[in-house]
Amino acid sequence: MLANYFPVLLFILIALVLGVVMLTLGTLVGPTEPNTEKNSPYECGFEAFEDSRMKFDVRYYLVAILFIIFDLEIAFLFPWAVVLDTIGIEAFVAMGIFIGILLIGFIYEWKKGALEWE
């Protein structure tokens, strides 16, 4: 049984060895000329106006939740739709419950005003 996993383990080992070799060669051969421009933090080409630990508006998080809702729905809906003719009515009901739960999240977002922009 362990012989079935040997190609995977071999692939991981080769990837680790190649990664270490590439990083080592990069530090030995690559140019190192640090200056203030290279070491400065990149912030859209200009200095930051405020502290990076400023508070975000709650709508930012609501939009993130909305993205997760639709992302999950599509990620689970496509494979389910491909095998819809081979799965039974139980899977159809389970997907209906799943979409219902996501619909509750969408209604929550809508009521909180995450879909309205100023």
N, C-alpha and C. Protein backbone atom coordinates (compact mmCIF):
# COMPACT_ATOMS: atom_id res chain seq x y z
N MET A 1 0.81 -1.20 0.00
CA MET A 1 0.00 0.00 0.00
C MET A 1 0.85 1.26 0.00
N LEU A 2 1.96 1.21 0.72
CA LEU A 2 2.84 2.36 0.76
C LEU A 2 3.49 2.61 -0.60
N ALA A 3 3.60 1.59 -1.42
CA ALA A 3 4.19 1.74 -2.76
C ALA A 3 3.33 2.63 -3.64
N ASN A 4 2.04 2.74 -3.36
CA ASN A 4 1.17 3.62 -4.15
C ASN A 4 1.50 5.09 -3.92
N TYR A 5 2.03 5.42 -2.74
CA TYR A 5 2.36 6.80 -2.42
C TYR A 5 3.80 7.17 -2.75
N PHE A 6 4.57 6.21 -3.20
CA PHE A 6 5.98 6.49 -3.51
C PHE A 6 6.16 7.58 -4.57
N PRO A 7 5.41 7.60 -5.68
CA PRO A 7 5.60 8.69 -6.64
C PRO A 7 5.29 10.07 -6.06
N VAL A 8 4.31 10.15 -5.19
CA VAL A 8 3.98 11.44 -4.56
C VAL A 8 5.12 11.88 -3.64
N LEU A 9 5.61 10.95 -2.83
CA LEU A 9 6.72 11.28 -1.93
C LEU A 9 7.98 11.65 -2.71
N LEU A 10 8.22 10.95 -3.81
CA LEU A 10 9.37 11.27 -4.65
C LEU A 10 9.24 12.66 -5.25
N PHE A 11 8.04 13.00 -5.70
CA PHE A 11 7.79 14.33 -6.26
C PHE A 11 8.01 15.42 -5.22
N ILE A 12 7.53 15.20 -4.00
CA ILE A 12 7.71 16.18 -2.92
C ILE A 12 9.19 16.33 -2.60
N LEU A 13 9.91 15.23 -2.55
CA LEU A 13 11.35 15.28 -2.25
C LEU A 13 12.11 16.03 -3.34
N ILE A 14 11.82 15.76 -4.59
CA ILE A 14 12.49 16.46 -5.70
C ILE A 14 12.15 17.95 -5.66
N ALA A 15 10.90 18.29 -5.36
CA ALA A 15 10.51 19.70 -5.29
C ALA A 15 11.25 20.41 -4.16
N LEU A 16 11.37 19.77 -3.01
CA LEU A 16 12.10 20.39 -1.90
C LEU A 16 13.58 20.58 -2.23
N VAL A 17 14.19 19.56 -2.82
CA VAL A 17 15.61 19.67 -3.18
C VAL A 17 15.82 20.77 -4.21
N LEU A 18 14.98 20.80 -5.24
CA LEU A 18 15.12 21.86 -6.25
C LEU A 18 14.89 23.25 -5.65
N GLY A 19 13.93 23.37 -4.74
CA GLY A 19 13.68 24.66 -4.10
C GLY A 19 14.88 25.14 -3.30
N VAL A 20 15.49 24.25 -2.53
CA VAL A 20 16.66 24.62 -1.73
C VAL A 20 17.83 24.96 -2.63
N VAL A 21 18.03 24.19 -3.71
CA VAL A 21 19.14 24.46 -4.64
C VAL A 21 18.94 25.82 -5.31
N MET A 22 17.74 26.12 -5.76
CA MET A 22 17.48 27.39 -6.44
C MET A 22 17.68 28.57 -5.49
N LEU A 23 17.18 28.46 -4.26
CA LEU A 23 17.37 29.55 -3.31
C LEU A 23 18.84 29.75 -2.96
N THR A 24 19.57 28.66 -2.80
CA THR A 24 20.99 28.76 -2.48
C THR A 24 21.75 29.40 -3.64
N LEU A 25 21.49 28.95 -4.87
CA LEU A 25 22.16 29.56 -6.02
C LEU A 25 21.78 31.02 -6.19
N GLY A 26 20.55 31.36 -5.90
CA GLY A 26 20.11 32.75 -6.02
C GLY A 26 20.83 33.66 -5.05
N THR A 27 21.07 33.21 -3.84
CA THR A 27 21.77 34.05 -2.88
C THR A 27 23.27 34.11 -3.15
N LEU A 28 23.83 33.04 -3.73
CA LEU A 28 25.27 33.04 -4.01
C LEU A 28 25.61 33.82 -5.28
N VAL A 29 24.81 33.68 -6.31
CA VAL A 29 25.14 34.25 -7.61
C VAL A 29 24.49 35.62 -7.82
N GLY A 30 23.31 35.84 -7.25
CA GLY A 30 22.55 37.06 -7.52
C GLY A 30 23.21 38.31 -6.96
N PRO A 31 22.98 39.45 -7.62
CA PRO A 31 23.56 40.70 -7.13
C PRO A 31 22.83 41.19 -5.87
N THR A 32 23.60 41.74 -4.96
CA THR A 32 23.01 42.31 -3.75
C THR A 32 23.50 43.75 -3.63
N GLU A 33 22.68 44.66 -4.06
CA GLU A 33 22.99 46.09 -3.98
C GLU A 33 21.83 46.81 -3.29
N PRO A 34 21.69 46.65 -1.98
CA PRO A 34 20.57 47.30 -1.31
C PRO A 34 20.76 48.80 -1.23
N ASN A 35 19.66 49.51 -1.42
CA ASN A 35 19.65 50.96 -1.22
C ASN A 35 18.32 51.34 -0.59
N THR A 36 18.13 52.62 -0.34
CA THR A 36 16.92 53.04 0.38
C THR A 36 15.66 52.81 -0.44
N GLU A 37 15.75 52.94 -1.76
CA GLU A 37 14.56 52.72 -2.59
C GLU A 37 14.14 51.25 -2.60
N LYS A 38 15.12 50.36 -2.67
CA LYS A 38 14.79 48.93 -2.68
C LYS A 38 14.27 48.46 -1.33
N ASN A 39 14.77 49.02 -0.26
CA ASN A 39 14.38 48.59 1.07
C ASN A 39 13.14 49.29 1.60
N SER A 40 12.64 50.30 0.88
CA SER A 40 11.45 51.01 1.35
C SER A 40 10.20 50.17 1.09
N PRO A 41 9.18 50.29 1.94
CA PRO A 41 7.95 49.53 1.71
C PRO A 41 7.20 50.06 0.49
N TYR A 42 6.70 49.15 -0.31
CA TYR A 42 5.97 49.55 -1.51
C TYR A 42 4.52 49.82 -1.15
N GLU A 43 4.05 51.02 -1.44
CA GLU A 43 2.68 51.41 -1.13
C GLU A 43 2.15 52.21 -2.30
N CYS A 44 1.88 51.54 -3.39
CA CYS A 44 1.29 52.17 -4.58
C CYS A 44 2.13 53.31 -5.12
N GLY A 45 3.42 53.28 -4.89
CA GLY A 45 4.29 54.29 -5.46
C GLY A 45 4.44 55.54 -4.65
N PHE A 46 3.77 55.66 -3.51
CA PHE A 46 3.92 56.85 -2.68
C PHE A 46 3.86 56.45 -1.21
N GLU A 47 4.25 57.37 -0.37
CA GLU A 47 4.27 57.09 1.06
C GLU A 47 2.85 56.94 1.59
N ALA A 48 2.70 56.11 2.61
CA ALA A 48 1.39 55.89 3.21
C ALA A 48 0.95 57.15 3.96
N PHE A 49 -0.35 57.41 3.91
CA PHE A 49 -0.89 58.60 4.58
C PHE A 49 -1.09 58.37 6.08
N GLU A 50 -1.59 57.20 6.44
CA GLU A 50 -1.93 56.93 7.83
C GLU A 50 -1.24 55.65 8.30
N ASP A 51 -1.51 55.33 9.53
CA ASP A 51 -0.99 54.10 10.11
C ASP A 51 -1.66 52.90 9.44
N SER A 52 -0.93 51.83 9.27
CA SER A 52 -1.50 50.65 8.62
C SER A 52 -2.50 49.92 9.50
N ARG A 53 -2.60 50.29 10.75
CA ARG A 53 -3.54 49.64 11.66
C ARG A 53 -4.82 50.46 11.84
N MET A 54 -5.21 51.18 10.80
CA MET A 54 -6.43 51.98 10.89
C MET A 54 -7.65 51.07 10.81
N LYS A 55 -8.78 51.57 11.29
CA LYS A 55 -10.00 50.78 11.30
C LYS A 55 -10.66 50.84 9.92
N PHE A 56 -11.21 49.70 9.50
CA PHE A 56 -11.93 49.61 8.24
C PHE A 56 -13.42 49.75 8.50
N ASP A 57 -14.12 50.22 7.50
CA ASP A 57 -15.56 50.30 7.58
C ASP A 57 -16.13 48.88 7.58
N VAL A 58 -17.22 48.67 8.30
CA VAL A 58 -17.79 47.34 8.42
C VAL A 58 -18.29 46.84 7.07
N ARG A 59 -18.60 47.74 6.13
CA ARG A 59 -19.06 47.31 4.81
C ARG A 59 -17.98 46.55 4.05
N TYR A 60 -16.73 46.83 4.36
CA TYR A 60 -15.64 46.07 3.74
C TYR A 60 -15.77 44.59 4.08
N TYR A 61 -16.04 44.29 5.34
CA TYR A 61 -16.18 42.91 5.77
C TYR A 61 -17.46 42.29 5.23
N LEU A 62 -18.51 43.07 5.11
CA LEU A 62 -19.76 42.54 4.56
C LEU A 62 -19.60 42.18 3.09
N VAL A 63 -18.84 42.96 2.35
CA VAL A 63 -18.58 42.64 0.95
C VAL A 63 -17.71 41.38 0.88
N ALA A 64 -16.79 41.22 1.80
CA ALA A 64 -15.97 40.00 1.83
C ALA A 64 -16.84 38.78 2.10
N ILE A 65 -17.79 38.90 3.01
CA ILE A 65 -18.72 37.79 3.28
C ILE A 65 -19.55 37.50 2.05
N LEU A 66 -19.98 38.54 1.36
CA LEU A 66 -20.76 38.35 0.14
C LEU A 66 -19.96 37.61 -0.92
N PHE A 67 -18.70 37.97 -1.06
CA PHE A 67 -17.84 37.27 -2.02
C PHE A 67 -17.72 35.80 -1.66
N ILE A 68 -17.53 35.51 -0.37
CA ILE A 68 -17.39 34.12 0.05
C ILE A 68 -18.67 33.34 -0.21
N ILE A 69 -19.81 33.98 0.01
CA ILE A 69 -21.09 33.30 -0.24
C ILE A 69 -21.19 32.88 -1.70
N PHE A 70 -20.95 33.81 -2.62
CA PHE A 70 -21.10 33.47 -4.03
C PHE A 70 -19.98 32.56 -4.52
N ASP A 71 -18.80 32.71 -3.96
CA ASP A 71 -17.69 31.86 -4.35
C ASP A 71 -17.96 30.41 -3.95
N LEU A 72 -18.43 30.21 -2.73
CA LEU A 72 -18.77 28.86 -2.29
C LEU A 72 -19.91 28.27 -3.09
N GLU A 73 -20.88 29.09 -3.39
CA GLU A 73 -22.02 28.59 -4.14
C GLU A 73 -21.59 28.07 -5.51
N ILE A 74 -20.79 28.83 -6.20
CA ILE A 74 -20.35 28.43 -7.53
C ILE A 74 -19.40 27.24 -7.45
N ALA A 75 -18.53 27.22 -6.44
CA ALA A 75 -17.57 26.12 -6.31
C ALA A 75 -18.26 24.79 -6.07
N PHE A 76 -19.38 24.80 -5.36
CA PHE A 76 -20.10 23.56 -5.10
C PHE A 76 -21.19 23.28 -6.12
N LEU A 77 -21.65 24.30 -6.82
CA LEU A 77 -22.77 24.13 -7.73
C LEU A 77 -22.35 23.50 -9.06
N PHE A 78 -21.18 23.84 -9.58
CA PHE A 78 -20.75 23.29 -10.87
C PHE A 78 -20.54 21.78 -10.83
N PRO A 79 -19.77 21.24 -9.88
CA PRO A 79 -19.63 19.77 -9.86
C PRO A 79 -20.96 19.06 -9.62
N TRP A 80 -21.81 19.66 -8.80
CA TRP A 80 -23.12 19.07 -8.54
C TRP A 80 -23.96 19.04 -9.81
N ALA A 81 -23.90 20.11 -10.60
CA ALA A 81 -24.68 20.17 -11.83
C ALA A 81 -24.19 19.17 -12.87
N VAL A 82 -22.90 18.86 -12.85
CA VAL A 82 -22.35 17.92 -13.83
C VAL A 82 -22.88 16.52 -13.58
N VAL A 83 -23.02 16.13 -12.32
CA VAL A 83 -23.46 14.78 -12.00
C VAL A 83 -24.91 14.74 -11.54
N LEU A 84 -25.68 15.72 -11.92
CA LEU A 84 -27.07 15.82 -11.45
C LEU A 84 -27.91 14.62 -11.89
N ASP A 85 -27.66 14.11 -13.08
CA ASP A 85 -28.47 12.99 -13.56
C ASP A 85 -28.13 11.65 -12.90
N THR A 86 -26.95 11.55 -12.27
CA THR A 86 -26.56 10.29 -11.65
C THR A 86 -26.79 10.25 -10.14
N ILE A 87 -26.94 11.40 -9.52
CA ILE A 87 -27.18 11.41 -8.07
C ILE A 87 -28.67 11.35 -7.80
N GLY A 88 -29.01 10.96 -6.62
CA GLY A 88 -30.41 10.77 -6.29
C GLY A 88 -31.09 12.02 -5.79
N ILE A 89 -32.32 11.84 -5.35
CA ILE A 89 -33.12 12.95 -4.85
C ILE A 89 -32.57 13.48 -3.53
N GLU A 90 -31.86 12.61 -2.78
CA GLU A 90 -31.27 13.06 -1.51
C GLU A 90 -30.23 14.15 -1.75
N ALA A 91 -29.42 13.98 -2.79
CA ALA A 91 -28.41 14.98 -3.11
C ALA A 91 -29.06 16.27 -3.61
N PHE A 92 -30.17 16.13 -4.31
CA PHE A 92 -30.90 17.31 -4.78
C PHE A 92 -31.44 18.10 -3.59
N VAL A 93 -31.98 17.41 -2.62
CA VAL A 93 -32.51 18.07 -1.41
C VAL A 93 -31.35 18.68 -0.61
N ALA A 94 -30.22 17.98 -0.52
CA ALA A 94 -29.07 18.51 0.21
C ALA A 94 -28.56 19.80 -0.43
N MET A 95 -28.53 19.84 -1.77
CA MET A 95 -28.10 21.06 -2.44
C MET A 95 -29.12 22.17 -2.24
N GLY A 96 -30.40 21.82 -2.19
CA GLY A 96 -31.42 22.83 -1.90
C GLY A 96 -31.24 23.44 -0.52
N ILE A 97 -30.90 22.60 0.45
CA ILE A 97 -30.64 23.11 1.81
C ILE A 97 -29.40 24.00 1.81
N PHE A 98 -28.36 23.59 1.09
CA PHE A 98 -27.13 24.38 1.00
C PHE A 98 -27.39 25.75 0.39
N ILE A 99 -28.12 25.77 -0.71
CA ILE A 99 -28.43 27.04 -1.37
C ILE A 99 -29.34 27.88 -0.48
N GLY A 100 -30.23 27.23 0.28
CA GLY A 100 -31.07 27.97 1.22
C GLY A 100 -30.26 28.67 2.30
N ILE A 101 -29.25 27.98 2.82
CA ILE A 101 -28.38 28.58 3.83
C ILE A 101 -27.63 29.77 3.24
N LEU A 102 -27.13 29.61 2.01
CA LEU A 102 -26.44 30.72 1.36
C LEU A 102 -27.39 31.88 1.07
N LEU A 103 -28.63 31.57 0.77
CA LEU A 103 -29.62 32.61 0.54
C LEU A 103 -29.89 33.40 1.82
N ILE A 104 -29.89 32.73 2.95
CA ILE A 104 -30.05 33.43 4.23
C ILE A 104 -28.89 34.41 4.45
N GLY A 105 -27.67 33.98 4.11
CA GLY A 105 -26.51 34.88 4.21
C GLY A 105 -26.62 36.05 3.26
N PHE A 106 -27.12 35.80 2.05
CA PHE A 106 -27.30 36.88 1.09
C PHE A 106 -28.34 37.88 1.57
N ILE A 107 -29.43 37.40 2.12
CA ILE A 107 -30.47 38.29 2.65
C ILE A 107 -29.92 39.12 3.82
N TYR A 108 -29.11 38.50 4.66
CA TYR A 108 -28.47 39.23 5.75
C TYR A 108 -27.62 40.38 5.22
N GLU A 109 -26.83 40.09 4.19
CA GLU A 109 -26.00 41.13 3.58
C GLU A 109 -26.86 42.25 3.00
N TRP A 110 -27.93 41.88 2.36
CA TRP A 110 -28.81 42.85 1.74
C TRP A 110 -29.43 43.76 2.79
N LYS A 111 -29.89 43.17 3.90
CA LYS A 111 -30.51 43.95 4.97
C LYS A 111 -29.50 44.87 5.66
N LYS A 112 -28.25 44.44 5.74
CA LYS A 112 -27.21 45.26 6.36
C LYS A 112 -26.75 46.41 5.46
N GLY A 113 -27.14 46.38 4.19
CA GLY A 113 -26.79 47.46 3.27
C GLY A 113 -25.44 47.30 2.62
N ALA A 114 -24.93 46.08 2.55
CA ALA A 114 -23.61 45.88 1.94
C ALA A 114 -23.65 46.04 0.43
N LEU A 115 -24.81 45.99 -0.16
CA LEU A 115 -24.93 46.10 -1.62
C LEU A 115 -25.11 47.55 -2.06
N GLU A 116 -25.22 48.47 -1.14
CA GLU A 116 -25.42 49.87 -1.49
C GLU A 116 -24.12 50.64 -1.32
N TRP A 117 -23.78 51.39 -2.35
CA TRP A 117 -22.54 52.17 -2.34
C TRP A 117 -22.88 53.65 -2.29
N GLU A 118 -22.02 54.39 -1.60
CA GLU A 118 -22.22 55.84 -1.50
C GLU A 118 -21.35 56.57 -2.47
